[in-house]
Amino acid sequence: MQLLKSATKANHDRVEDLAYSNKIMDGSISKEQYADLILKQYYFHKKIESQLRKIFSEEEAKGLELNKRTKTHFLKYDMLELGLDEHMLDVGKIGTLKINSSEEALGSMYVLEGASLGGAVIKRKLEKNRQINQVSSIHYFGCYGEATGEFWKKFVMQATIMANTEKKRKIIVKKAVETFTYFEKILTVGKTQPNTVRTAI
């Protein structure tokens, strides 16, 4: 897991910059920027999560507690509260990041679970932002609640068991980097229709 962290650090830092991290932390993120982020997170999670169940075997999915880790529905709740629809986001010709094996799925899942680990801190910051707490109950960020740390530990343990050869570890790392890059493209290229969102919120 340390190899994954070091290999994806640059990607992780770029995603944080693009995902309004500084504005979230200093409390200056606007409801329009928050809406933009929720829509892009929804698109990203939907494209990745829709493939995981098809790729992992029943045994692998059970070991990873996949049923408890899907988050698209949390983002959908946030969108409903904000009056958002997925068609408000234009991502051009980005398409879908293809996942072809359990190892690749694990690499993509690392990115999703890592985001959830930091989500608890983000939620606390957003709850103090009057622009946000008056329009959203904040379902996605901090979705694991007090069990966030435990969820991460279980994921790391199961991922370590599955990544039991050097070949598998290389595939996992490669796909994790590709997944971060895919999310960077969504955050960079994706355009939310501002007039529609402003009215909806």
N, C-alpha and C. Protein backbone atom coordinates (compact mmCIF):
# COMPACT_ATOMS: atom_id res chain seq x y z
N MET A 1 0.83 -1.21 0.00
CA MET A 1 0.00 0.00 0.00
C MET A 1 0.87 1.27 0.00
N GLN A 2 2.05 1.17 0.59
CA GLN A 2 2.97 2.30 0.58
C GLN A 2 3.45 2.59 -0.83
N LEU A 3 3.62 1.52 -1.63
CA LEU A 3 4.02 1.67 -3.03
C LEU A 3 2.94 2.43 -3.80
N LEU A 4 1.69 2.10 -3.55
CA LEU A 4 0.57 2.79 -4.20
C LEU A 4 0.55 4.27 -3.83
N LYS A 5 0.74 4.54 -2.56
CA LYS A 5 0.70 5.91 -2.08
C LYS A 5 1.78 6.76 -2.72
N SER A 6 2.99 6.24 -2.78
CA SER A 6 4.10 7.01 -3.35
C SER A 6 3.96 7.16 -4.86
N ALA A 7 3.46 6.11 -5.52
CA ALA A 7 3.33 6.13 -6.97
C ALA A 7 2.24 7.09 -7.45
N THR A 8 1.26 7.34 -6.59
CA THR A 8 0.13 8.19 -6.99
C THR A 8 0.14 9.56 -6.31
N LYS A 9 1.19 9.88 -5.58
CA LYS A 9 1.21 11.12 -4.81
C LYS A 9 1.02 12.36 -5.70
N ALA A 10 1.75 12.42 -6.80
CA ALA A 10 1.64 13.58 -7.69
C ALA A 10 0.22 13.72 -8.24
N ASN A 11 -0.37 12.58 -8.61
CA ASN A 11 -1.74 12.59 -9.12
C ASN A 11 -2.72 13.04 -8.04
N HIS A 12 -2.52 12.52 -6.84
CA HIS A 12 -3.38 12.87 -5.71
C HIS A 12 -3.33 14.36 -5.43
N ASP A 13 -2.14 14.93 -5.47
CA ASP A 13 -1.97 16.37 -5.22
C ASP A 13 -2.67 17.21 -6.28
N ARG A 14 -2.58 16.77 -7.54
CA ARG A 14 -3.23 17.51 -8.62
C ARG A 14 -4.75 17.45 -8.49
N VAL A 15 -5.27 16.28 -8.12
CA VAL A 15 -6.72 16.14 -7.93
C VAL A 15 -7.20 17.03 -6.79
N GLU A 16 -6.46 17.09 -5.72
CA GLU A 16 -6.84 17.95 -4.59
C GLU A 16 -6.92 19.41 -5.03
N ASP A 17 -5.97 19.85 -5.83
CA ASP A 17 -5.97 21.23 -6.31
C ASP A 17 -7.19 21.50 -7.18
N LEU A 18 -7.53 20.54 -8.04
CA LEU A 18 -8.64 20.71 -8.98
C LEU A 18 -10.01 20.58 -8.30
N ALA A 19 -10.04 19.88 -7.16
CA ALA A 19 -11.31 19.60 -6.47
C ALA A 19 -11.61 20.60 -5.36
N TYR A 20 -11.13 21.82 -5.52
CA TYR A 20 -11.43 22.92 -4.59
C TYR A 20 -10.97 22.62 -3.15
N SER A 21 -9.93 21.83 -3.01
CA SER A 21 -9.49 21.43 -1.67
C SER A 21 -9.16 22.63 -0.78
N ASN A 22 -8.40 23.58 -1.31
CA ASN A 22 -8.03 24.76 -0.51
C ASN A 22 -9.25 25.57 -0.10
N LYS A 23 -10.20 25.72 -1.03
CA LYS A 23 -11.41 26.48 -0.74
C LYS A 23 -12.29 25.76 0.29
N ILE A 24 -12.29 24.45 0.24
CA ILE A 24 -13.04 23.68 1.24
C ILE A 24 -12.42 23.88 2.62
N MET A 25 -11.10 23.79 2.67
CA MET A 25 -10.41 23.88 3.94
C MET A 25 -10.49 25.27 4.56
N ASP A 26 -10.48 26.32 3.73
CA ASP A 26 -10.54 27.67 4.31
C ASP A 26 -11.98 28.22 4.38
N GLY A 27 -12.94 27.39 3.96
CA GLY A 27 -14.34 27.76 4.10
C GLY A 27 -14.87 28.70 3.04
N SER A 28 -14.13 28.87 1.94
CA SER A 28 -14.54 29.84 0.93
C SER A 28 -15.23 29.22 -0.29
N ILE A 29 -15.38 27.90 -0.32
CA ILE A 29 -16.02 27.27 -1.46
C ILE A 29 -17.48 27.73 -1.57
N SER A 30 -17.91 28.07 -2.77
CA SER A 30 -19.27 28.55 -2.99
C SER A 30 -20.20 27.37 -3.28
N LYS A 31 -21.50 27.63 -3.22
CA LYS A 31 -22.45 26.54 -3.50
C LYS A 31 -22.35 26.12 -4.97
N GLU A 32 -22.01 27.06 -5.87
CA GLU A 32 -21.85 26.71 -7.28
C GLU A 32 -20.64 25.78 -7.47
N GLN A 33 -19.56 26.07 -6.78
CA GLN A 33 -18.37 25.22 -6.87
C GLN A 33 -18.63 23.86 -6.24
N TYR A 34 -19.35 23.86 -5.13
CA TYR A 34 -19.71 22.60 -4.49
C TYR A 34 -20.59 21.76 -5.42
N ALA A 35 -21.56 22.39 -6.07
CA ALA A 35 -22.44 21.69 -7.02
C ALA A 35 -21.62 21.10 -8.17
N ASP A 36 -20.67 21.88 -8.67
CA ASP A 36 -19.79 21.43 -9.74
C ASP A 36 -19.01 20.20 -9.31
N LEU A 37 -18.48 20.21 -8.09
CA LEU A 37 -17.70 19.09 -7.57
C LEU A 37 -18.57 17.85 -7.38
N ILE A 38 -19.77 18.02 -6.86
CA ILE A 38 -20.67 16.88 -6.65
C ILE A 38 -21.02 16.21 -7.98
N LEU A 39 -21.32 17.01 -8.99
CA LEU A 39 -21.65 16.45 -10.31
C LEU A 39 -20.47 15.67 -10.89
N LYS A 40 -19.28 16.20 -10.74
CA LYS A 40 -18.10 15.54 -11.29
C LYS A 40 -17.75 14.27 -10.50
N GLN A 41 -17.93 14.33 -9.18
CA GLN A 41 -17.74 13.14 -8.37
C GLN A 41 -18.74 12.06 -8.76
N TYR A 42 -19.97 12.47 -9.00
CA TYR A 42 -21.01 11.52 -9.39
C TYR A 42 -20.65 10.82 -10.70
N TYR A 43 -20.25 11.60 -11.69
CA TYR A 43 -19.89 11.03 -12.99
C TYR A 43 -18.73 10.05 -12.83
N PHE A 44 -17.72 10.46 -12.08
CA PHE A 44 -16.54 9.63 -11.86
C PHE A 44 -16.90 8.32 -11.16
N HIS A 45 -17.63 8.41 -10.06
CA HIS A 45 -17.99 7.20 -9.31
C HIS A 45 -18.90 6.29 -10.12
N LYS A 46 -19.85 6.87 -10.83
CA LYS A 46 -20.77 6.07 -11.62
C LYS A 46 -20.02 5.26 -12.68
N LYS A 47 -19.08 5.89 -13.36
CA LYS A 47 -18.32 5.22 -14.40
C LYS A 47 -17.44 4.10 -13.85
N ILE A 48 -16.89 4.29 -12.65
CA ILE A 48 -16.01 3.27 -12.06
C ILE A 48 -16.83 2.18 -11.37
N GLU A 49 -17.77 2.59 -10.51
CA GLU A 49 -18.52 1.60 -9.72
C GLU A 49 -19.35 0.66 -10.59
N SER A 50 -19.83 1.15 -11.72
CA SER A 50 -20.65 0.32 -12.59
C SER A 50 -19.86 -0.87 -13.15
N GLN A 51 -18.54 -0.77 -13.13
CA GLN A 51 -17.71 -1.85 -13.65
C GLN A 51 -17.22 -2.82 -12.58
N LEU A 52 -17.11 -2.33 -11.34
CA LEU A 52 -16.51 -3.16 -10.29
C LEU A 52 -17.27 -4.46 -10.06
N ARG A 53 -18.59 -4.39 -9.98
CA ARG A 53 -19.39 -5.59 -9.70
C ARG A 53 -19.29 -6.61 -10.84
N LYS A 54 -19.04 -6.12 -12.05
CA LYS A 54 -18.92 -7.02 -13.19
C LYS A 54 -17.56 -7.72 -13.22
N ILE A 55 -16.56 -7.06 -12.64
CA ILE A 55 -15.19 -7.57 -12.71
C ILE A 55 -14.85 -8.49 -11.53
N PHE A 56 -15.16 -8.06 -10.32
CA PHE A 56 -14.81 -8.87 -9.15
C PHE A 56 -15.66 -10.14 -9.10
N SER A 57 -15.04 -11.22 -8.69
CA SER A 57 -15.80 -12.45 -8.48
C SER A 57 -16.67 -12.28 -7.24
N GLU A 58 -17.60 -13.17 -7.03
CA GLU A 58 -18.48 -13.09 -5.87
C GLU A 58 -17.66 -13.16 -4.58
N GLU A 59 -16.64 -13.98 -4.58
CA GLU A 59 -15.79 -14.13 -3.39
C GLU A 59 -14.98 -12.85 -3.15
N GLU A 60 -14.44 -12.28 -4.20
CA GLU A 60 -13.66 -11.04 -4.07
C GLU A 60 -14.54 -9.89 -3.59
N ALA A 61 -15.73 -9.80 -4.16
CA ALA A 61 -16.67 -8.73 -3.78
C ALA A 61 -17.05 -8.86 -2.31
N LYS A 62 -17.24 -10.07 -1.85
CA LYS A 62 -17.59 -10.31 -0.45
C LYS A 62 -16.43 -9.93 0.46
N GLY A 63 -15.22 -10.31 0.09
CA GLY A 63 -14.05 -9.99 0.89
C GLY A 63 -13.81 -8.49 1.00
N LEU A 64 -14.11 -7.78 -0.08
CA LEU A 64 -13.94 -6.32 -0.10
C LEU A 64 -15.14 -5.57 0.46
N GLU A 65 -16.20 -6.30 0.82
CA GLU A 65 -17.45 -5.70 1.29
C GLU A 65 -17.96 -4.65 0.29
N LEU A 66 -17.96 -5.06 -0.97
CA LEU A 66 -18.29 -4.14 -2.05
C LEU A 66 -19.67 -3.51 -1.89
N ASN A 67 -20.64 -4.28 -1.39
CA ASN A 67 -22.00 -3.76 -1.22
C ASN A 67 -22.05 -2.55 -0.29
N LYS A 68 -21.12 -2.51 0.68
CA LYS A 68 -21.10 -1.42 1.65
C LYS A 68 -20.28 -0.22 1.16
N ARG A 69 -19.56 -0.40 0.06
CA ARG A 69 -18.60 0.62 -0.35
C ARG A 69 -19.04 1.43 -1.59
N THR A 70 -20.16 1.09 -2.19
CA THR A 70 -20.62 1.89 -3.32
C THR A 70 -21.15 3.23 -2.81
N LYS A 71 -20.87 4.30 -3.56
CA LYS A 71 -21.17 5.64 -3.07
C LYS A 71 -21.97 6.49 -4.05
N THR A 72 -22.27 5.93 -5.22
CA THR A 72 -23.01 6.70 -6.21
C THR A 72 -24.34 7.19 -5.65
N HIS A 73 -25.00 6.35 -4.84
CA HIS A 73 -26.32 6.74 -4.30
C HIS A 73 -26.20 7.91 -3.33
N PHE A 74 -25.09 7.99 -2.59
CA PHE A 74 -24.89 9.14 -1.69
C PHE A 74 -24.77 10.43 -2.50
N LEU A 75 -24.05 10.35 -3.61
CA LEU A 75 -23.90 11.51 -4.48
C LEU A 75 -25.23 11.88 -5.12
N LYS A 76 -26.04 10.88 -5.42
CA LYS A 76 -27.36 11.14 -5.99
C LYS A 76 -28.23 11.89 -5.00
N TYR A 77 -28.14 11.52 -3.71
CA TYR A 77 -28.88 12.24 -2.67
C TYR A 77 -28.46 13.71 -2.62
N ASP A 78 -27.14 13.94 -2.68
CA ASP A 78 -26.63 15.32 -2.68
C ASP A 78 -27.14 16.09 -3.90
N MET A 79 -27.16 15.43 -5.03
CA MET A 79 -27.64 16.07 -6.25
C MET A 79 -29.12 16.44 -6.15
N LEU A 80 -29.90 15.54 -5.58
CA LEU A 80 -31.33 15.81 -5.43
C LEU A 80 -31.57 17.02 -4.53
N GLU A 81 -30.83 17.11 -3.45
CA GLU A 81 -30.97 18.25 -2.54
C GLU A 81 -30.58 19.57 -3.22
N LEU A 82 -29.60 19.48 -4.10
CA LEU A 82 -29.10 20.67 -4.78
C LEU A 82 -29.88 20.99 -6.05
N GLY A 83 -30.82 20.13 -6.40
CA GLY A 83 -31.59 20.36 -7.61
C GLY A 83 -30.78 20.11 -8.87
N LEU A 84 -29.84 19.17 -8.78
CA LEU A 84 -28.94 18.89 -9.90
C LEU A 84 -29.37 17.64 -10.67
N ASP A 85 -29.03 17.62 -11.94
CA ASP A 85 -29.26 16.46 -12.79
C ASP A 85 -27.95 16.15 -13.51
N GLU A 86 -27.66 14.88 -13.71
CA GLU A 86 -26.38 14.51 -14.31
C GLU A 86 -26.18 15.10 -15.70
N HIS A 87 -27.27 15.43 -16.38
CA HIS A 87 -27.17 15.99 -17.73
C HIS A 87 -26.69 17.45 -17.70
N MET A 88 -26.60 18.02 -16.51
CA MET A 88 -26.06 19.38 -16.40
C MET A 88 -24.54 19.41 -16.58
N LEU A 89 -23.91 18.24 -16.57
CA LEU A 89 -22.46 18.17 -16.70
C LEU A 89 -22.08 17.72 -18.10
N ASP A 90 -21.23 18.50 -18.74
CA ASP A 90 -20.71 18.17 -20.06
C ASP A 90 -19.24 17.78 -19.90
N VAL A 91 -18.93 16.52 -20.18
CA VAL A 91 -17.55 16.04 -20.05
C VAL A 91 -16.90 15.80 -21.42
N GLY A 92 -17.53 16.35 -22.45
CA GLY A 92 -16.94 16.23 -23.78
C GLY A 92 -16.79 14.79 -24.23
N LYS A 93 -15.60 14.44 -24.71
CA LYS A 93 -15.35 13.09 -25.23
C LYS A 93 -14.44 12.28 -24.31
N ILE A 94 -14.55 12.50 -23.00
CA ILE A 94 -13.69 11.78 -22.06
C ILE A 94 -13.95 10.29 -22.10
N GLY A 95 -15.22 9.91 -22.18
CA GLY A 95 -15.55 8.49 -22.26
C GLY A 95 -15.43 7.78 -20.93
N THR A 96 -15.13 6.48 -20.99
CA THR A 96 -15.08 5.64 -19.80
C THR A 96 -13.70 5.01 -19.64
N LEU A 97 -13.21 4.97 -18.43
CA LEU A 97 -11.95 4.27 -18.15
C LEU A 97 -12.25 2.78 -18.07
N LYS A 98 -11.70 2.00 -18.96
CA LYS A 98 -11.98 0.57 -19.00
C LYS A 98 -11.22 -0.19 -17.91
N ILE A 99 -11.94 -1.05 -17.22
CA ILE A 99 -11.35 -1.90 -16.19
C ILE A 99 -11.51 -3.35 -16.64
N ASN A 100 -10.40 -4.07 -16.75
CA ASN A 100 -10.43 -5.38 -17.40
C ASN A 100 -10.09 -6.57 -16.51
N SER A 101 -9.71 -6.33 -15.26
CA SER A 101 -9.35 -7.45 -14.39
C SER A 101 -9.55 -7.07 -12.93
N SER A 102 -9.49 -8.05 -12.05
CA SER A 102 -9.64 -7.79 -10.61
C SER A 102 -8.53 -6.88 -10.10
N GLU A 103 -7.32 -7.05 -10.65
CA GLU A 103 -6.20 -6.21 -10.23
C GLU A 103 -6.44 -4.76 -10.63
N GLU A 104 -6.92 -4.56 -11.86
CA GLU A 104 -7.22 -3.20 -12.30
C GLU A 104 -8.36 -2.60 -11.48
N ALA A 105 -9.35 -3.43 -11.18
CA ALA A 105 -10.48 -2.96 -10.37
C ALA A 105 -10.00 -2.54 -8.99
N LEU A 106 -9.06 -3.27 -8.46
CA LEU A 106 -8.52 -2.94 -7.14
C LEU A 106 -7.76 -1.61 -7.18
N GLY A 107 -7.05 -1.37 -8.28
CA GLY A 107 -6.34 -0.10 -8.43
C GLY A 107 -7.30 1.07 -8.47
N SER A 108 -8.39 0.92 -9.20
CA SER A 108 -9.40 1.99 -9.26
C SER A 108 -10.09 2.16 -7.92
N MET A 109 -10.35 1.05 -7.26
CA MET A 109 -11.04 1.11 -5.97
C MET A 109 -10.18 1.80 -4.91
N TYR A 110 -8.87 1.67 -5.03
CA TYR A 110 -7.96 2.35 -4.11
C TYR A 110 -8.18 3.86 -4.15
N VAL A 111 -8.40 4.38 -5.35
CA VAL A 111 -8.63 5.82 -5.50
C VAL A 111 -9.95 6.21 -4.83
N LEU A 112 -11.00 5.42 -5.04
CA LEU A 112 -12.31 5.72 -4.46
C LEU A 112 -12.27 5.64 -2.93
N GLU A 113 -11.64 4.60 -2.42
CA GLU A 113 -11.59 4.42 -0.96
C GLU A 113 -10.69 5.46 -0.31
N GLY A 114 -9.62 5.84 -0.98
CA GLY A 114 -8.75 6.88 -0.45
C GLY A 114 -9.48 8.20 -0.32
N ALA A 115 -10.35 8.48 -1.29
CA ALA A 115 -11.15 9.71 -1.24
C ALA A 115 -12.09 9.69 -0.05
N SER A 116 -12.62 8.51 0.26
CA SER A 116 -13.54 8.40 1.40
C SER A 116 -12.81 8.61 2.72
N LEU A 117 -11.54 8.22 2.74
CA LEU A 117 -10.75 8.39 3.97
C LEU A 117 -10.62 9.86 4.32
N GLY A 118 -10.41 10.70 3.31
CA GLY A 118 -10.30 12.14 3.56
C GLY A 118 -11.64 12.84 3.64
N GLY A 119 -12.71 12.12 3.28
CA GLY A 119 -14.03 12.72 3.24
C GLY A 119 -14.57 13.17 4.59
N ALA A 120 -14.14 12.50 5.64
CA ALA A 120 -14.61 12.85 6.99
C ALA A 120 -14.17 14.27 7.37
N VAL A 121 -12.93 14.60 7.05
CA VAL A 121 -12.41 15.94 7.34
C VAL A 121 -13.13 16.97 6.48
N ILE A 122 -13.32 16.63 5.22
CA ILE A 122 -14.01 17.54 4.30
C ILE A 122 -15.42 17.83 4.78
N LYS A 123 -16.12 16.81 5.26
CA LYS A 123 -17.49 17.01 5.72
C LYS A 123 -17.55 18.00 6.88
N ARG A 124 -16.63 17.87 7.82
CA ARG A 124 -16.61 18.77 8.97
C ARG A 124 -16.42 20.22 8.52
N LYS A 125 -15.57 20.42 7.52
CA LYS A 125 -15.34 21.77 6.99
C LYS A 125 -16.59 22.30 6.28
N LEU A 126 -17.22 21.45 5.47
CA LEU A 126 -18.40 21.87 4.73
C LEU A 126 -19.57 22.19 5.65
N GLU A 127 -19.67 21.45 6.75
CA GLU A 127 -20.76 21.67 7.70
C GLU A 127 -20.67 23.04 8.36
N LYS A 128 -19.48 23.63 8.36
CA LYS A 128 -19.29 24.96 8.95
C LYS A 128 -19.47 26.09 7.93
N ASN A 129 -19.63 25.71 6.67
CA ASN A 129 -19.78 26.69 5.60
C ASN A 129 -21.26 26.98 5.38
N ARG A 130 -21.69 28.19 5.66
CA ARG A 130 -23.12 28.54 5.61
C ARG A 130 -23.68 28.45 4.19
N GLN A 131 -22.83 28.69 3.20
CA GLN A 131 -23.30 28.57 1.81
C GLN A 131 -23.67 27.12 1.49
N ILE A 132 -22.98 26.19 2.15
CA ILE A 132 -23.19 24.76 1.86
C ILE A 132 -24.20 24.13 2.80
N ASN A 133 -24.06 24.39 4.11
CA ASN A 133 -24.92 23.68 5.07
C ASN A 133 -26.39 24.08 4.98
N GLN A 134 -26.67 25.16 4.29
CA GLN A 134 -28.07 25.57 4.12
C GLN A 134 -28.73 24.93 2.90
N VAL A 135 -27.93 24.32 2.04
CA VAL A 135 -28.49 23.71 0.82
C VAL A 135 -28.21 22.22 0.70
N SER A 136 -27.37 21.67 1.59
CA SER A 136 -27.00 20.26 1.47
C SER A 136 -26.79 19.61 2.83
N SER A 137 -27.25 18.37 2.94
CA SER A 137 -27.01 17.58 4.16
C SER A 137 -25.67 16.87 4.10
N ILE A 138 -24.99 16.95 2.96
CA ILE A 138 -23.64 16.39 2.75
C ILE A 138 -23.64 14.88 3.00
N HIS A 139 -24.17 14.15 2.04
CA HIS A 139 -24.28 12.70 2.14
C HIS A 139 -23.00 11.98 1.73
N TYR A 140 -22.38 12.43 0.62
CA TYR A 140 -21.22 11.71 0.09
C TYR A 140 -19.99 11.86 0.97
N PHE A 141 -19.58 13.08 1.22
CA PHE A 141 -18.39 13.28 2.05
C PHE A 141 -18.68 12.81 3.47
N GLY A 142 -17.77 11.98 4.00
CA GLY A 142 -17.97 11.44 5.34
C GLY A 142 -19.02 10.36 5.40
N CYS A 143 -19.29 9.71 4.26
CA CYS A 143 -20.39 8.73 4.20
C CYS A 143 -20.19 7.51 5.10
N TYR A 144 -18.96 7.21 5.47
CA TYR A 144 -18.71 6.07 6.36
C TYR A 144 -18.85 6.45 7.84
N GLY A 145 -19.00 7.71 8.12
CA GLY A 145 -19.19 8.16 9.49
C GLY A 145 -18.03 7.78 10.40
N GLU A 146 -18.35 7.33 11.60
CA GLU A 146 -17.33 6.97 12.58
C GLU A 146 -16.57 5.71 12.20
N ALA A 147 -17.07 4.98 11.21
CA ALA A 147 -16.43 3.73 10.79
C ALA A 147 -15.39 3.96 9.68
N THR A 148 -15.10 5.22 9.35
CA THR A 148 -14.19 5.53 8.24
C THR A 148 -12.84 4.84 8.38
N GLY A 149 -12.23 4.96 9.53
CA GLY A 149 -10.92 4.35 9.76
C GLY A 149 -10.97 2.83 9.64
N GLU A 150 -12.01 2.23 10.16
CA GLU A 150 -12.16 0.78 10.11
C GLU A 150 -12.37 0.30 8.67
N PHE A 151 -13.15 1.05 7.91
CA PHE A 151 -13.37 0.70 6.50
C PHE A 151 -12.05 0.70 5.74
N TRP A 152 -11.22 1.71 6.01
CA TRP A 152 -9.93 1.81 5.32
C TRP A 152 -9.01 0.66 5.70
N LYS A 153 -8.95 0.34 6.98
CA LYS A 153 -8.09 -0.75 7.44
C LYS A 153 -8.50 -2.07 6.80
N LYS A 154 -9.80 -2.32 6.72
CA LYS A 154 -10.29 -3.57 6.11
C LYS A 154 -9.96 -3.62 4.63
N PHE A 155 -10.08 -2.47 3.97
CA PHE A 155 -9.75 -2.43 2.55
C PHE A 155 -8.27 -2.73 2.33
N VAL A 156 -7.42 -2.09 3.09
CA VAL A 156 -5.97 -2.30 2.97
C VAL A 156 -5.62 -3.77 3.21
N MET A 157 -6.24 -4.37 4.22
CA MET A 157 -5.97 -5.77 4.55
C MET A 157 -6.38 -6.69 3.39
N GLN A 158 -7.57 -6.48 2.84
CA GLN A 158 -8.04 -7.33 1.76
C GLN A 158 -7.26 -7.09 0.47
N ALA A 159 -6.92 -5.84 0.22
CA ALA A 159 -6.13 -5.51 -0.98
C ALA A 159 -4.75 -6.15 -0.90
N THR A 160 -4.16 -6.17 0.29
CA THR A 160 -2.85 -6.79 0.48
C THR A 160 -2.91 -8.29 0.22
N ILE A 161 -3.99 -8.91 0.64
CA ILE A 161 -4.18 -10.35 0.40
C ILE A 161 -4.29 -10.63 -1.09
N MET A 162 -5.04 -9.79 -1.80
CA MET A 162 -5.26 -10.00 -3.22
C MET A 162 -4.03 -9.67 -4.07
N ALA A 163 -3.24 -8.70 -3.62
CA ALA A 163 -2.04 -8.29 -4.37
C ALA A 163 -0.86 -9.14 -3.94
N ASN A 164 -0.94 -10.43 -4.20
CA ASN A 164 0.03 -11.37 -3.63
C ASN A 164 1.19 -11.74 -4.56
N THR A 165 1.32 -11.04 -5.69
CA THR A 165 2.48 -11.24 -6.56
C THR A 165 2.96 -9.88 -7.07
N GLU A 166 4.19 -9.84 -7.50
CA GLU A 166 4.77 -8.60 -8.03
C GLU A 166 4.02 -8.15 -9.28
N LYS A 167 3.65 -9.10 -10.11
CA LYS A 167 2.91 -8.79 -11.34
C LYS A 167 1.57 -8.12 -11.03
N LYS A 168 0.86 -8.67 -10.06
CA LYS A 168 -0.43 -8.10 -9.68
C LYS A 168 -0.26 -6.70 -9.10
N ARG A 169 0.76 -6.51 -8.29
CA ARG A 169 0.99 -5.19 -7.68
C ARG A 169 1.27 -4.13 -8.75
N LYS A 170 2.02 -4.50 -9.78
CA LYS A 170 2.32 -3.55 -10.85
C LYS A 170 1.05 -3.15 -11.61
N ILE A 171 0.17 -4.12 -11.83
CA ILE A 171 -1.09 -3.83 -12.53
C ILE A 171 -1.96 -2.90 -11.69
N ILE A 172 -2.02 -3.17 -10.39
CA ILE A 172 -2.82 -2.35 -9.47
C ILE A 172 -2.33 -0.91 -9.46
N VAL A 173 -1.02 -0.74 -9.34
CA VAL A 173 -0.43 0.60 -9.30
C VAL A 173 -0.70 1.33 -10.61
N LYS A 174 -0.50 0.66 -11.73
CA LYS A 174 -0.70 1.28 -13.05
C LYS A 174 -2.14 1.77 -13.20
N LYS A 175 -3.10 0.95 -12.80
CA LYS A 175 -4.50 1.34 -12.95
C LYS A 175 -4.89 2.43 -11.95
N ALA A 176 -4.29 2.44 -10.78
CA ALA A 176 -4.56 3.51 -9.82
C ALA A 176 -4.12 4.85 -10.40
N VAL A 177 -2.94 4.88 -11.02
CA VAL A 177 -2.45 6.10 -11.66
C VAL A 177 -3.39 6.51 -12.79
N GLU A 178 -3.83 5.55 -13.59
CA GLU A 178 -4.75 5.83 -14.70
C GLU A 178 -6.08 6.36 -14.18
N THR A 179 -6.53 5.84 -13.05
CA THR A 179 -7.80 6.27 -12.47
C THR A 179 -7.70 7.70 -11.97
N PHE A 180 -6.61 8.03 -11.30
CA PHE A 180 -6.39 9.41 -10.88
C PHE A 180 -6.37 10.34 -12.10
N THR A 181 -5.66 9.93 -13.15
CA THR A 181 -5.56 10.73 -14.36
C THR A 181 -6.93 10.93 -14.99
N TYR A 182 -7.74 9.89 -14.98
CA TYR A 182 -9.11 9.97 -15.51
C TYR A 182 -9.93 10.99 -14.72
N PHE A 183 -9.80 10.96 -13.41
CA PHE A 183 -10.53 11.91 -12.57
C PHE A 183 -10.03 13.33 -12.81
N GLU A 184 -8.72 13.48 -12.99
CA GLU A 184 -8.16 14.80 -13.31
C GLU A 184 -8.80 15.36 -14.58
N LYS A 185 -8.98 14.51 -15.58
CA LYS A 185 -9.59 14.94 -16.85
C LYS A 185 -11.03 15.39 -16.63
N ILE A 186 -11.76 14.63 -15.82
CA ILE A 186 -13.15 15.00 -15.53
C ILE A 186 -13.20 16.35 -14.83
N LEU A 187 -12.33 16.55 -13.85
CA LEU A 187 -12.30 17.81 -13.11
C LEU A 187 -11.86 18.98 -13.98
N THR A 188 -11.00 18.71 -14.94
CA THR A 188 -10.46 19.77 -15.79
C THR A 188 -11.38 20.08 -16.98
N VAL A 189 -11.82 19.05 -17.67
CA VAL A 189 -12.59 19.22 -18.90
C VAL A 189 -14.09 19.40 -18.63
N GLY A 190 -14.58 18.72 -17.59
CA GLY A 190 -16.01 18.76 -17.29
C GLY A 190 -16.51 20.18 -17.04
N LYS A 191 -17.60 20.52 -17.69
CA LYS A 191 -18.19 21.85 -17.56
C LYS A 191 -19.63 21.74 -17.06
N THR A 192 -19.90 22.35 -15.92
CA THR A 192 -21.26 22.40 -15.40
C THR A 192 -21.97 23.60 -15.98
N GLN A 193 -23.20 23.41 -16.39
CA GLN A 193 -23.97 24.52 -16.95
C GLN A 193 -24.29 25.50 -15.83
N PRO A 194 -23.56 26.61 -15.71
CA PRO A 194 -23.67 27.51 -14.56
C PRO A 194 -25.05 28.13 -14.36
N ASN A 195 -25.68 28.57 -15.41
CA ASN A 195 -26.99 29.22 -15.26
C ASN A 195 -28.03 28.26 -14.72
N THR A 196 -27.99 27.01 -15.23
CA THR A 196 -28.95 26.01 -14.78
C THR A 196 -28.74 25.66 -13.32
N VAL A 197 -27.48 25.45 -12.94
CA VAL A 197 -27.18 25.09 -11.57
C VAL A 197 -27.51 26.22 -10.62
N ARG A 198 -27.21 27.45 -11.01
CA ARG A 198 -27.47 28.57 -10.14
C ARG A 198 -28.97 28.70 -9.83
N THR A 199 -29.79 28.44 -10.84
CA THR A 199 -31.24 28.49 -10.65
C THR A 199 -31.71 27.34 -9.80
N ALA A 200 -31.14 26.14 -10.06
CA ALA A 200 -31.57 24.95 -9.35
C ALA A 200 -31.27 25.04 -7.87
N ILE A 201 -30.13 25.61 -7.52
CA ILE A 201 -29.75 25.71 -6.12
C ILE A 201 -30.45 26.88 -5.48
